[in-house]
Amino acid sequence: MTDLPTIDQSKEIVRVSISEAARLFGVNAQTIRRAIQSGEITYVVVAGRYKLNFESLVRWSQTKTTVKNKSEKFGIGQYVDKWKIKNTLYSPSTKSIKTSKHKNIKTSEPSA
C-alpha cells in the first residue's frame, strides 16, 4: 500500500457573496465580477445569487499582486499582524533555532 495523502471529503466548503468577497479582500465588487467572468474564481448560483468558493478566492488573491496588496492594506489583512509562512525556503530552520530551558532569558539590546 502506498502512503499517499488522503483528501478530506468531509471538508466544508465556505461560500461568500460578491459583496462579502469585495469587503474581505479590500477590492471593488467589479474586480470580483471580472475574475468570475475570466474563470479565475469558482462559484455556484443559489437563488439567482453568486456564491463564491472562498478557497478559490484566496488562491486568486495571492496570484494577483494588486489584489494581494489591497487585501493586506484595506481588506482582512489589516487585522493580521503576521501571516503564516508557507514557503519554507526563506524561513528559519527549526534546527537552527535554539530553544532554552530557562524562562528568564536576557536579550542583548543595542546601546544608544
PDB file of N, CA and C in Angstrom:
ATOM      1  N   MET A   1       0.839  -1.170   0.000  1.00  0.00           N
ATOM      2  CA  MET A   1       0.000   0.000   0.000  1.00  0.00           C
ATOM      3  C   MET A   1       0.889   1.241   0.000  1.00  0.00           C
ATOM      4  N   THR A   2       0.544   2.233  -0.807  1.00  0.00           N
ATOM      5  CA  THR A   2       1.347   3.450  -0.874  1.00  0.00           C
ATOM      6  C   THR A   2       0.880   4.453   0.166  1.00  0.00           C
ATOM      7  N   ASP A   3       1.797   5.309   0.557  1.00  0.00           N
ATOM      8  CA  ASP A   3       1.486   6.332   1.555  1.00  0.00           C
ATOM      9  C   ASP A   3       1.136   7.647   0.866  1.00  0.00           C
ATOM     10  N   LEU A   4       0.011   7.684   0.187  1.00  0.00           N
ATOM     11  CA  LEU A   4      -0.434   8.896  -0.471  1.00  0.00           C
ATOM     12  C   LEU A   4      -1.278   9.716   0.490  1.00  0.00           C
ATOM     13  N   PRO A   5      -1.196  11.048   0.384  1.00  0.00           N
ATOM     14  CA  PRO A   5      -2.033  11.865   1.259  1.00  0.00           C
ATOM     15  C   PRO A   5      -3.505  11.668   0.909  1.00  0.00           C
ATOM     16  N   THR A   6      -4.323  11.576   1.918  1.00  0.00           N
ATOM     17  CA  THR A   6      -5.748  11.386   1.674  1.00  0.00           C
ATOM     18  C   THR A   6      -6.446  12.735   1.632  1.00  0.00           C
ATOM     19  N   ILE A   7      -7.477  12.803   0.831  1.00  0.00           N
ATOM     20  CA  ILE A   7      -8.257  14.024   0.713  1.00  0.00           C
ATOM     21  C   ILE A   7      -9.412  13.943   1.688  1.00  0.00           C
ATOM     22  N   ASP A   8      -9.568  14.976   2.472  1.00  0.00           N
ATOM     23  CA  ASP A   8     -10.633  15.016   3.465  1.00  0.00           C
ATOM     24  C   ASP A   8     -11.947  15.334   2.760  1.00  0.00           C
ATOM     25  N   GLN A   9     -12.787  14.337   2.579  1.00  0.00           N
ATOM     26  CA  GLN A   9     -14.058  14.510   1.891  1.00  0.00           C
ATOM     27  C   GLN A   9     -15.066  15.269   2.745  1.00  0.00           C
ATOM     28  N   SER A  10     -14.876  15.305   4.053  1.00  0.00           N
ATOM     29  CA  SER A  10     -15.816  15.977   4.933  1.00  0.00           C
ATOM     30  C   SER A  10     -15.506  17.469   5.076  1.00  0.00           C
ATOM     31  N   LYS A  11     -14.548  17.957   4.321  1.00  0.00           N
ATOM     32  CA  LYS A  11     -14.158  19.361   4.393  1.00  0.00           C
ATOM     33  C   LYS A  11     -15.325  20.239   3.930  1.00  0.00           C
ATOM     34  N   GLU A  12     -15.694  21.169   4.770  1.00  0.00           N
ATOM     35  CA  GLU A  12     -16.824  22.036   4.460  1.00  0.00           C
ATOM     36  C   GLU A  12     -16.391  23.142   3.511  1.00  0.00           C
ATOM     37  N   ILE A  13     -17.171  23.361   2.478  1.00  0.00           N
ATOM     38  CA  ILE A  13     -16.878  24.410   1.509  1.00  0.00           C
ATOM     39  C   ILE A  13     -17.502  25.708   2.006  1.00  0.00           C
ATOM     40  N   VAL A  14     -16.691  26.737   2.095  1.00  0.00           N
ATOM     41  CA  VAL A  14     -17.163  28.046   2.534  1.00  0.00           C
ATOM     42  C   VAL A  14     -17.451  28.877   1.290  1.00  0.00           C
ATOM     43  N   ARG A  15     -18.644  29.435   1.236  1.00  0.00           N
ATOM     44  CA  ARG A  15     -19.031  30.265   0.100  1.00  0.00           C
ATOM     45  C   ARG A  15     -19.432  31.646   0.595  1.00  0.00           C
ATOM     46  N   VAL A  16     -19.029  32.666  -0.155  1.00  0.00           N
ATOM     47  CA  VAL A  16     -19.354  34.048   0.203  1.00  0.00           C
ATOM     48  C   VAL A  16     -19.948  34.758  -1.007  1.00  0.00           C
ATOM     49  N   SER A  17     -20.667  35.835  -0.757  1.00  0.00           N
ATOM     50  CA  SER A  17     -21.249  36.617  -1.847  1.00  0.00           C
ATOM     51  C   SER A  17     -20.182  37.528  -2.452  1.00  0.00           C
ATOM     52  N   ILE A  18     -20.524  38.155  -3.558  1.00  0.00           N
ATOM     53  CA  ILE A  18     -19.583  39.056  -4.223  1.00  0.00           C
ATOM     54  C   ILE A  18     -19.257  40.250  -3.328  1.00  0.00           C
ATOM     55  N   SER A  19     -20.276  40.822  -2.692  1.00  0.00           N
ATOM     56  CA  SER A  19     -20.026  41.988  -1.834  1.00  0.00           C
ATOM     57  C   SER A  19     -19.195  41.614  -0.609  1.00  0.00           C
ATOM     58  N   GLU A  20     -19.436  40.428  -0.051  1.00  0.00           N
ATOM     59  CA  GLU A  20     -18.624  39.968   1.084  1.00  0.00           C
ATOM     60  C   GLU A  20     -17.176  39.772   0.664  1.00  0.00           C
ATOM     61  N   ALA A  21     -16.977  39.176  -0.511  1.00  0.00           N
ATOM     62  CA  ALA A  21     -15.620  38.950  -1.015  1.00  0.00           C
ATOM     63  C   ALA A  21     -14.901  40.276  -1.245  1.00  0.00           C
ATOM     64  N   ALA A  22     -15.623  41.252  -1.794  1.00  0.00           N
ATOM     65  CA  ALA A  22     -15.023  42.562  -2.046  1.00  0.00           C
ATOM     66  C   ALA A  22     -14.582  43.216  -0.743  1.00  0.00           C
ATOM     67  N   ARG A  23     -15.405  43.123   0.291  1.00  0.00           N
ATOM     68  CA  ARG A  23     -15.037  43.705   1.588  1.00  0.00           C
ATOM     69  C   ARG A  23     -13.885  42.945   2.233  1.00  0.00           C
ATOM     70  N   LEU A  24     -13.908  41.609   2.149  1.00  0.00           N
ATOM     71  CA  LEU A  24     -12.845  40.809   2.756  1.00  0.00           C
ATOM     72  C   LEU A  24     -11.483  41.098   2.139  1.00  0.00           C
ATOM     73  N   PHE A  25     -11.470  41.286   0.811  1.00  0.00           N
ATOM     74  CA  PHE A  25     -10.198  41.445   0.117  1.00  0.00           C
ATOM     75  C   PHE A  25      -9.870  42.898  -0.213  1.00  0.00           C
ATOM     76  N   GLY A  26     -10.718  43.836   0.194  1.00  0.00           N
ATOM     77  CA  GLY A  26     -10.422  45.253   0.023  1.00  0.00           C
ATOM     78  C   GLY A  26     -10.421  45.728  -1.410  1.00  0.00           C
ATOM     79  N   VAL A  27     -11.229  45.090  -2.261  1.00  0.00           N
ATOM     80  CA  VAL A  27     -11.306  45.476  -3.665  1.00  0.00           C
ATOM     81  C   VAL A  27     -12.747  45.844  -4.005  1.00  0.00           C
ATOM     82  N   ASN A  28     -12.941  46.387  -5.189  1.00  0.00           N
ATOM     83  CA  ASN A  28     -14.265  46.731  -5.668  1.00  0.00           C
ATOM     84  C   ASN A  28     -14.992  45.461  -6.108  1.00  0.00           C
ATOM     85  N   ALA A  29     -16.308  45.455  -5.999  1.00  0.00           N
ATOM     86  CA  ALA A  29     -17.094  44.291  -6.419  1.00  0.00           C
ATOM     87  C   ALA A  29     -16.901  44.004  -7.905  1.00  0.00           C
ATOM     88  N   GLN A  30     -16.649  45.046  -8.702  1.00  0.00           N
ATOM     89  CA  GLN A  30     -16.434  44.854 -10.137  1.00  0.00           C
ATOM     90  C   GLN A  30     -15.162  44.037 -10.394  1.00  0.00           C
ATOM     91  N   THR A  31     -14.164  44.176  -9.558  1.00  0.00           N
ATOM     92  CA  THR A  31     -12.934  43.384  -9.680  1.00  0.00           C
ATOM     93  C   THR A  31     -13.251  41.904  -9.494  1.00  0.00           C
ATOM     94  N   ILE A  32     -14.095  41.599  -8.518  1.00  0.00           N
ATOM     95  CA  ILE A  32     -14.509  40.216  -8.277  1.00  0.00           C
ATOM     96  C   ILE A  32     -15.295  39.699  -9.473  1.00  0.00           C
ATOM     97  N   ARG A  33     -16.196  40.528 -10.010  1.00  0.00           N
ATOM     98  CA  ARG A  33     -17.005  40.115 -11.171  1.00  0.00           C
ATOM     99  C   ARG A  33     -16.131  39.832 -12.394  1.00  0.00           C
ATOM    100  N   ARG A  34     -15.088  40.640 -12.599  1.00  0.00           N
ATOM    101  CA  ARG A  34     -14.173  40.388 -13.723  1.00  0.00           C
ATOM    102  C   ARG A  34     -13.451  39.054 -13.555  1.00  0.00           C
ATOM    103  N   ALA A  35     -13.056  38.740 -12.319  1.00  0.00           N
ATOM    104  CA  ALA A  35     -12.379  37.463 -12.057  1.00  0.00           C
ATOM    105  C   ALA A  35     -13.336  36.294 -12.292  1.00  0.00           C
ATOM    106  N   ILE A  36     -14.604  36.469 -11.951  1.00  0.00           N
ATOM    107  CA  ILE A  36     -15.605  35.425 -12.212  1.00  0.00           C
ATOM    108  C   ILE A  36     -15.758  35.229 -13.711  1.00  0.00           C
ATOM    109  N   GLN A  37     -15.865  36.344 -14.441  1.00  0.00           N
ATOM    110  CA  GLN A  37     -16.059  36.286 -15.887  1.00  0.00           C
ATOM    111  C   GLN A  37     -14.875  35.622 -16.590  1.00  0.00           C
ATOM    112  N   SER A  38     -13.672  35.846 -16.079  1.00  0.00           N
ATOM    113  CA  SER A  38     -12.490  35.249 -16.703  1.00  0.00           C
ATOM    114  C   SER A  38     -12.236  33.817 -16.235  1.00  0.00           C
ATOM    115  N   GLY A  39     -13.062  33.326 -15.289  1.00  0.00           N
ATOM    116  CA  GLY A  39     -12.937  31.945 -14.832  1.00  0.00           C
ATOM    117  C   GLY A  39     -11.875  31.729 -13.774  1.00  0.00           C
ATOM    118  N   GLU A  40     -11.415  32.790 -13.135  1.00  0.00           N
ATOM    119  CA  GLU A  40     -10.369  32.675 -12.118  1.00  0.00           C
ATOM    120  C   GLU A  40     -10.914  32.269 -10.751  1.00  0.00           C
ATOM    121  N   ILE A  41     -12.205  32.491 -10.528  1.00  0.00           N
ATOM    122  CA  ILE A  41     -12.848  32.166  -9.255  1.00  0.00           C
ATOM    123  C   ILE A  41     -13.994  31.200  -9.528  1.00  0.00           C
ATOM    124  N   THR A  42     -14.073  30.136  -8.729  1.00  0.00           N
ATOM    125  CA  THR A  42     -15.178  29.190  -8.889  1.00  0.00           C
ATOM    126  C   THR A  42     -16.370  29.654  -8.064  1.00  0.00           C
ATOM    127  N   TYR A  43     -17.562  29.352  -8.569  1.00  0.00           N
ATOM    128  CA  TYR A  43     -18.781  29.827  -7.926  1.00  0.00           C
ATOM    129  C   TYR A  43     -19.945  28.899  -8.239  1.00  0.00           C
ATOM    130  N   VAL A  44     -21.019  29.076  -7.511  1.00  0.00           N
ATOM    131  CA  VAL A  44     -22.303  28.446  -7.814  1.00  0.00           C
ATOM    132  C   VAL A  44     -23.353  29.547  -7.732  1.00  0.00           C
ATOM    133  N   VAL A  45     -24.475  29.323  -8.406  1.00  0.00           N
ATOM    134  CA  VAL A  45     -25.569  30.277  -8.343  1.00  0.00           C
ATOM    135  C   VAL A  45     -26.644  29.683  -7.453  1.00  0.00           C
ATOM    136  N   VAL A  46     -26.981  30.391  -6.373  1.00  0.00           N
ATOM    137  CA  VAL A  46     -28.001  29.951  -5.430  1.00  0.00           C
ATOM    138  C   VAL A  46     -29.075  31.033  -5.384  1.00  0.00           C
ATOM    139  N   ALA A  47     -30.285  30.665  -5.767  1.00  0.00           N
ATOM    140  CA  ALA A  47     -31.421  31.600  -5.774  1.00  0.00           C
ATOM    141  C   ALA A  47     -31.090  32.875  -6.550  1.00  0.00           C
ATOM    142  N   GLY A  48     -30.416  32.712  -7.685  1.00  0.00           N
ATOM    143  CA  GLY A  48     -30.087  33.849  -8.533  1.00  0.00           C
ATOM    144  C   GLY A  48     -28.918  34.692  -8.056  1.00  0.00           C
ATOM    145  N   ARG A  49     -28.207  34.242  -7.047  1.00  0.00           N
ATOM    146  CA  ARG A  49     -27.066  34.990  -6.499  1.00  0.00           C
ATOM    147  C   ARG A  49     -25.793  34.158  -6.622  1.00  0.00           C
ATOM    148  N   TYR A  50     -24.696  34.840  -6.893  1.00  0.00           N
ATOM    149  CA  TYR A  50     -23.403  34.165  -6.962  1.00  0.00           C
ATOM    150  C   TYR A  50     -22.918  33.857  -5.554  1.00  0.00           C
ATOM    151  N   LYS A  51     -22.480  32.627  -5.347  1.00  0.00           N
ATOM    152  CA  LYS A  51     -21.823  32.231  -4.100  1.00  0.00           C
ATOM    153  C   LYS A  51     -20.437  31.734  -4.493  1.00  0.00           C
ATOM    154  N   LEU A  52     -19.413  32.441  -4.035  1.00  0.00           N
ATOM    155  CA  LEU A  52     -18.036  32.183  -4.452  1.00  0.00           C
ATOM    156  C   LEU A  52     -17.340  31.249  -3.488  1.00  0.00           C
ATOM    157  N   ASN A  53     -16.551  30.344  -4.038  1.00  0.00           N
ATOM    158  CA  ASN A  53     -15.763  29.421  -3.236  1.00  0.00           C
ATOM    159  C   ASN A  53     -14.636  30.218  -2.575  1.00  0.00           C
ATOM    160  N   PHE A  54     -14.611  30.230  -1.246  1.00  0.00           N
ATOM    161  CA  PHE A  54     -13.634  31.036  -0.510  1.00  0.00           C
ATOM    162  C   PHE A  54     -12.204  30.593  -0.799  1.00  0.00           C
ATOM    163  N   GLU A  55     -11.998  29.293  -0.933  1.00  0.00           N
ATOM    164  CA  GLU A  55     -10.650  28.782  -1.208  1.00  0.00           C
ATOM    165  C   GLU A  55     -10.130  29.299  -2.546  1.00  0.00           C
ATOM    166  N   SER A  56     -10.993  29.328  -3.566  1.00  0.00           N
ATOM    167  CA  SER A  56     -10.558  29.844  -4.862  1.00  0.00           C
ATOM    168  C   SER A  56     -10.333  31.354  -4.798  1.00  0.00           C
ATOM    169  N   LEU A  57     -11.094  32.050  -3.958  1.00  0.00           N
ATOM    170  CA  LEU A  57     -10.874  33.487  -3.755  1.00  0.00           C
ATOM    171  C   LEU A  57      -9.494  33.757  -3.167  1.00  0.00           C
ATOM    172  N   VAL A  58      -9.119  32.976  -2.178  1.00  0.00           N
ATOM    173  CA  VAL A  58      -7.810  33.161  -1.546  1.00  0.00           C
ATOM    174  C   VAL A  58      -6.698  32.869  -2.547  1.00  0.00           C
ATOM    175  N   ARG A  59      -6.829  31.767  -3.305  1.00  0.00           N
ATOM    176  CA  ARG A  59      -5.815  31.440  -4.314  1.00  0.00           C
ATOM    177  C   ARG A  59      -5.703  32.561  -5.339  1.00  0.00           C
ATOM    178  N   TRP A  60      -6.846  33.061  -5.817  1.00  0.00           N
ATOM    179  CA  TRP A  60      -6.872  34.144  -6.799  1.00  0.00           C
ATOM    180  C   TRP A  60      -6.213  35.400  -6.234  1.00  0.00           C
ATOM    181  N   SER A  61      -6.535  35.739  -4.994  1.00  0.00           N
ATOM    182  CA  SER A  61      -5.987  36.964  -4.398  1.00  0.00           C
ATOM    183  C   SER A  61      -4.475  36.887  -4.230  1.00  0.00           C
ATOM    184  N   GLN A  62      -3.939  35.709  -4.012  1.00  0.00           N
ATOM    185  CA  GLN A  62      -2.499  35.565  -3.816  1.00  0.00           C
ATOM    186  C   GLN A  62      -1.731  35.539  -5.130  1.00  0.00           C
ATOM    187  N   THR A  63      -2.422  35.312  -6.255  1.00  0.00           N
ATOM    188  CA  THR A  63      -1.739  35.320  -7.551  1.00  0.00           C
ATOM    189  C   THR A  63      -1.693  36.713  -8.159  1.00  0.00           C
ATOM    190  N   LYS A  64      -2.552  37.594  -7.716  1.00  0.00           N
ATOM    191  CA  LYS A  64      -2.605  38.964  -8.239  1.00  0.00           C
ATOM    192  C   LYS A  64      -1.942  39.914  -7.241  1.00  0.00           C
ATOM    193  N   THR A  65      -0.876  40.552  -7.651  1.00  0.00           N
ATOM    194  CA  THR A  65      -0.117  41.417  -6.753  1.00  0.00           C
ATOM    195  C   THR A  65      -0.958  42.574  -6.233  1.00  0.00           C
ATOM    196  N   THR A  66      -1.720  43.220  -7.115  1.00  0.00           N
ATOM    197  CA  THR A  66      -2.511  44.371  -6.671  1.00  0.00           C
ATOM    198  C   THR A  66      -3.594  43.954  -5.688  1.00  0.00           C
ATOM    199  N   VAL A  67      -4.220  42.820  -5.945  1.00  0.00           N
ATOM    200  CA  VAL A  67      -5.264  42.334  -5.035  1.00  0.00           C
ATOM    201  C   VAL A  67      -4.647  41.938  -3.700  1.00  0.00           C
ATOM    202  N   LYS A  68      -3.490  41.304  -3.752  1.00  0.00           N
ATOM    203  CA  LYS A  68      -2.799  40.901  -2.521  1.00  0.00           C
ATOM    204  C   LYS A  68      -2.453  42.126  -1.676  1.00  0.00           C
ATOM    205  N   ASN A  69      -1.938  43.174  -2.319  1.00  0.00           N
ATOM    206  CA  ASN A  69      -1.583  44.396  -1.594  1.00  0.00           C
ATOM    207  C   ASN A  69      -2.812  45.091  -1.020  1.00  0.00           C
ATOM    208  N   LYS A  70      -3.892  45.156  -1.807  1.00  0.00           N
ATOM    209  CA  LYS A  70      -5.125  45.781  -1.316  1.00  0.00           C
ATOM    210  C   LYS A  70      -5.722  44.977  -0.174  1.00  0.00           C
ATOM    211  N   SER A  71      -5.614  43.658  -0.272  1.00  0.00           N
ATOM    212  CA  SER A  71      -6.134  42.799   0.788  1.00  0.00           C
ATOM    213  C   SER A  71      -5.395  43.047   2.095  1.00  0.00           C
ATOM    214  N   GLU A  72      -4.093  43.236   2.001  1.00  0.00           N
ATOM    215  CA  GLU A  72      -3.292  43.476   3.202  1.00  0.00           C
ATOM    216  C   GLU A  72      -3.508  44.876   3.768  1.00  0.00           C
ATOM    217  N   LYS A  73      -3.808  45.838   2.898  1.00  0.00           N
ATOM    218  CA  LYS A  73      -3.945  47.222   3.347  1.00  0.00           C
ATOM    219  C   LYS A  73      -5.389  47.591   3.705  1.00  0.00           C
ATOM    220  N   PHE A  74      -6.356  47.152   2.880  1.00  0.00           N
ATOM    221  CA  PHE A  74      -7.743  47.562   3.070  1.00  0.00           C
ATOM    222  C   PHE A  74      -8.665  46.421   3.480  1.00  0.00           C
ATOM    223  N   GLY A  75      -8.265  45.198   3.207  1.00  0.00           N
ATOM    224  CA  GLY A  75      -9.114  44.043   3.499  1.00  0.00           C
ATOM    225  C   GLY A  75      -8.800  43.424   4.838  1.00  0.00           C
ATOM    226  N   ILE A  76      -8.975  42.129   4.898  1.00  0.00           N
ATOM    227  CA  ILE A  76      -8.801  41.409   6.159  1.00  0.00           C
ATOM    228  C   ILE A  76      -7.357  41.418   6.644  1.00  0.00           C
ATOM    229  N   GLY A  77      -6.421  41.631   5.741  1.00  0.00           N
ATOM    230  CA  GLY A  77      -5.012  41.645   6.111  1.00  0.00           C
ATOM    231  C   GLY A  77      -4.628  42.755   7.070  1.00  0.00           C
ATOM    232  N   GLN A  78      -5.418  43.824   7.111  1.00  0.00           N
ATOM    233  CA  GLN A  78      -5.094  44.923   8.028  1.00  0.00           C
ATOM    234  C   GLN A  78      -5.270  44.524   9.484  1.00  0.00           C
ATOM    235  N   TYR A  79      -5.969  43.421   9.734  1.00  0.00           N
ATOM    236  CA  TYR A  79      -6.198  42.957  11.098  1.00  0.00           C
ATOM    237  C   TYR A  79      -5.260  41.830  11.507  1.00  0.00           C
ATOM    238  N   VAL A  80      -4.400  41.396  10.582  1.00  0.00           N
ATOM    239  CA  VAL A  80      -3.484  40.293  10.852  1.00  0.00           C
ATOM    240  C   VAL A  80      -2.082  40.858  11.041  1.00  0.00           C
ATOM    241  N   ASP A  81      -1.468  40.549  12.179  1.00  0.00           N
ATOM    242  CA  ASP A  81      -0.120  41.049  12.442  1.00  0.00           C
ATOM    243  C   ASP A  81       0.922  40.361  11.573  1.00  0.00           C
ATOM    244  N   LYS A  82       0.801  39.052  11.450  1.00  0.00           N
ATOM    245  CA  LYS A  82       1.811  38.298  10.726  1.00  0.00           C
ATOM    246  C   LYS A  82       1.156  37.092  10.072  1.00  0.00           C
ATOM    247  N   TRP A  83       1.362  36.941   8.761  1.00  0.00           N
ATOM    248  CA  TRP A  83       0.807  35.805   8.045  1.00  0.00           C
ATOM    249  C   TRP A  83       1.715  34.595   8.238  1.00  0.00           C
ATOM    250  N   LYS A  84       1.132  33.432   8.207  1.00  0.00           N
ATOM    251  CA  LYS A  84       1.891  32.188   8.331  1.00  0.00           C
ATOM    252  C   LYS A  84       2.705  31.985   7.060  1.00  0.00           C
ATOM    253  N   ILE A  85       3.988  31.674   7.213  1.00  0.00           N
ATOM    254  CA  ILE A  85       4.862  31.478   6.063  1.00  0.00           C
ATOM    255  C   ILE A  85       4.699  30.051   5.560  1.00  0.00           C
ATOM    256  N   LYS A  86       4.296  29.918   4.293  1.00  0.00           N
ATOM    257  CA  LYS A  86       4.150  28.584   3.714  1.00  0.00           C
ATOM    258  C   LYS A  86       5.403  28.177   2.948  1.00  0.00           C
ATOM    259  N   ASN A  87       6.124  29.152   2.406  1.00  0.00           N
ATOM    260  CA  ASN A  87       7.331  28.859   1.661  1.00  0.00           C
ATOM    261  C   ASN A  87       8.481  28.746   2.653  1.00  0.00           C
ATOM    262  N   THR A  88       8.941  27.541   2.883  1.00  0.00           N
ATOM    263  CA  THR A  88       9.982  27.312   3.884  1.00  0.00           C
ATOM    264  C   THR A  88      11.382  27.605   3.360  1.00  0.00           C
ATOM    265  N   LEU A  89      11.495  28.024   2.104  1.00  0.00           N
ATOM    266  CA  LEU A  89      12.803  28.300   1.527  1.00  0.00           C
ATOM    267  C   LEU A  89      13.530  29.402   2.299  1.00  0.00           C
ATOM    268  N   TYR A  90      12.815  30.446   2.684  1.00  0.00           N
ATOM    269  CA  TYR A  90      13.440  31.575   3.361  1.00  0.00           C
ATOM    270  C   TYR A  90      13.103  31.647   4.845  1.00  0.00           C
ATOM    271  N   SER A  91      12.334  30.722   5.342  1.00  0.00           N
ATOM    272  CA  SER A  91      12.020  30.738   6.771  1.00  0.00           C
ATOM    273  C   SER A  91      13.129  30.027   7.540  1.00  0.00           C
ATOM    274  N   PRO A  92      13.322  30.403   8.787  1.00  0.00           N
ATOM    275  CA  PRO A  92      14.414  29.803   9.553  1.00  0.00           C
ATOM    276  C   PRO A  92      14.189  28.317   9.808  1.00  0.00           C
ATOM    277  N   SER A  93      15.270  27.589   9.806  1.00  0.00           N
ATOM    278  CA  SER A  93      15.204  26.165  10.083  1.00  0.00           C
ATOM    279  C   SER A  93      14.937  25.949  11.564  1.00  0.00           C
ATOM    280  N   THR A  94      14.115  24.984  11.876  1.00  0.00           N
ATOM    281  CA  THR A  94      13.840  24.690  13.284  1.00  0.00           C
ATOM    282  C   THR A  94      15.092  24.167  13.971  1.00  0.00           C
ATOM    283  N   LYS A  95      16.016  23.607  13.209  1.00  0.00           N
ATOM    284  CA  LYS A  95      17.263  23.110  13.781  1.00  0.00           C
ATOM    285  C   LYS A  95      18.183  24.263  14.179  1.00  0.00           C
ATOM    286  N   SER A  96      18.097  25.371  13.441  1.00  0.00           N
ATOM    287  CA  SER A  96      18.983  26.497  13.734  1.00  0.00           C
ATOM    288  C   SER A  96      18.472  27.369  14.874  1.00  0.00           C
ATOM    289  N   ILE A  97      17.211  27.235  15.218  1.00  0.00           N
ATOM    290  CA  ILE A  97      16.654  28.000  16.331  1.00  0.00           C
ATOM    291  C   ILE A  97      16.880  27.215  17.603  1.00  0.00           C
ATOM    292  N   LYS A  98      17.651  27.806  18.506  1.00  0.00           N
ATOM    293  CA  LYS A  98      17.957  27.120  19.757  1.00  0.00           C
ATOM    294  C   LYS A  98      16.906  27.477  20.786  1.00  0.00           C
ATOM    295  N   THR A  99      16.370  26.477  21.417  1.00  0.00           N
ATOM    296  CA  THR A  99      15.410  26.726  22.489  1.00  0.00           C
ATOM    297  C   THR A  99      16.126  26.599  23.814  1.00  0.00           C
ATOM    298  N   SER A 100      15.740  27.432  24.732  1.00  0.00           N
ATOM    299  CA  SER A 100      16.371  27.441  26.042  1.00  0.00           C
ATOM    300  C   SER A 100      15.389  26.934  27.085  1.00  0.00           C
ATOM    301  N   LYS A 101      15.909  26.242  28.078  1.00  0.00           N
ATOM    302  CA  LYS A 101      15.070  25.732  29.154  1.00  0.00           C
ATOM    303  C   LYS A 101      14.801  26.808  30.192  1.00  0.00           C
ATOM    304  N   HIS A 102      15.573  27.889  30.143  1.00  0.00           N
ATOM    305  CA  HIS A 102      15.428  28.961  31.122  1.00  0.00           C
ATOM    306  C   HIS A 102      14.368  29.948  30.646  1.00  0.00           C
ATOM    307  N   LYS A 103      13.506  30.352  31.564  1.00  0.00           N
ATOM    308  CA  LYS A 103      12.452  31.292  31.199  1.00  0.00           C
ATOM    309  C   LYS A 103      12.952  32.729  31.190  1.00  0.00           C
ATOM    310  N   ASN A 104      13.890  33.061  32.039  1.00  0.00           N
ATOM    311  CA  ASN A 104      14.401  34.427  32.125  1.00  0.00           C
ATOM    312  C   ASN A 104      15.613  34.576  31.218  1.00  0.00           C
ATOM    313  N   ILE A 105      15.356  34.839  29.973  1.00  0.00           N
ATOM    314  CA  ILE A 105      16.433  34.986  29.005  1.00  0.00           C
ATOM    315  C   ILE A 105      16.634  36.470  28.748  1.00  0.00           C
ATOM    316  N   LYS A 106      17.864  36.927  28.900  1.00  0.00           N
ATOM    317  CA  LYS A 106      18.173  38.319  28.623  1.00  0.00           C
ATOM    318  C   LYS A 106      18.618  38.421  27.176  1.00  0.00           C
ATOM    319  N   THR A 107      18.020  39.367  26.481  1.00  0.00           N
ATOM    320  CA  THR A 107      18.412  39.580  25.101  1.00  0.00           C
ATOM    321  C   THR A 107      19.298  40.803  25.044  1.00  0.00           C
ATOM    322  N   SER A 108      20.239  40.782  24.146  1.00  0.00           N
ATOM    323  CA  SER A 108      21.135  41.928  24.021  1.00  0.00           C
ATOM    324  C   SER A 108      20.411  43.024  23.258  1.00  0.00           C
ATOM    325  N   GLU A 109      20.401  44.195  23.840  1.00  0.00           N
ATOM    326  CA  GLU A 109      19.764  45.335  23.209  1.00  0.00           C
ATOM    327  C   GLU A 109      20.849  46.274  22.725  1.00  0.00           C
ATOM    328  N   PRO A 110      20.663  46.842  21.537  1.00  0.00           N
ATOM    329  CA  PRO A 110      21.687  47.763  21.030  1.00  0.00           C
ATOM    330  C   PRO A 110      21.764  49.003  21.908  1.00  0.00           C
ATOM    331  N   SER A 111      22.978  49.417  22.205  1.00  0.00           N
ATOM    332  CA  SER A 111      23.156  50.602  23.051  1.00  0.00           C
ATOM    333  C   SER A 111      22.956  51.855  22.215  1.00  0.00           C
ATOM    334  N   ALA A 112      22.365  52.841  22.822  1.00  0.00           N
ATOM    335  CA  ALA A 112      22.044  54.077  22.105  1.00  0.00           C
ATOM    336  C   ALA A 112      23.207  55.021  22.044  1.00  0.00           C
TER     337      ALA A 112
END
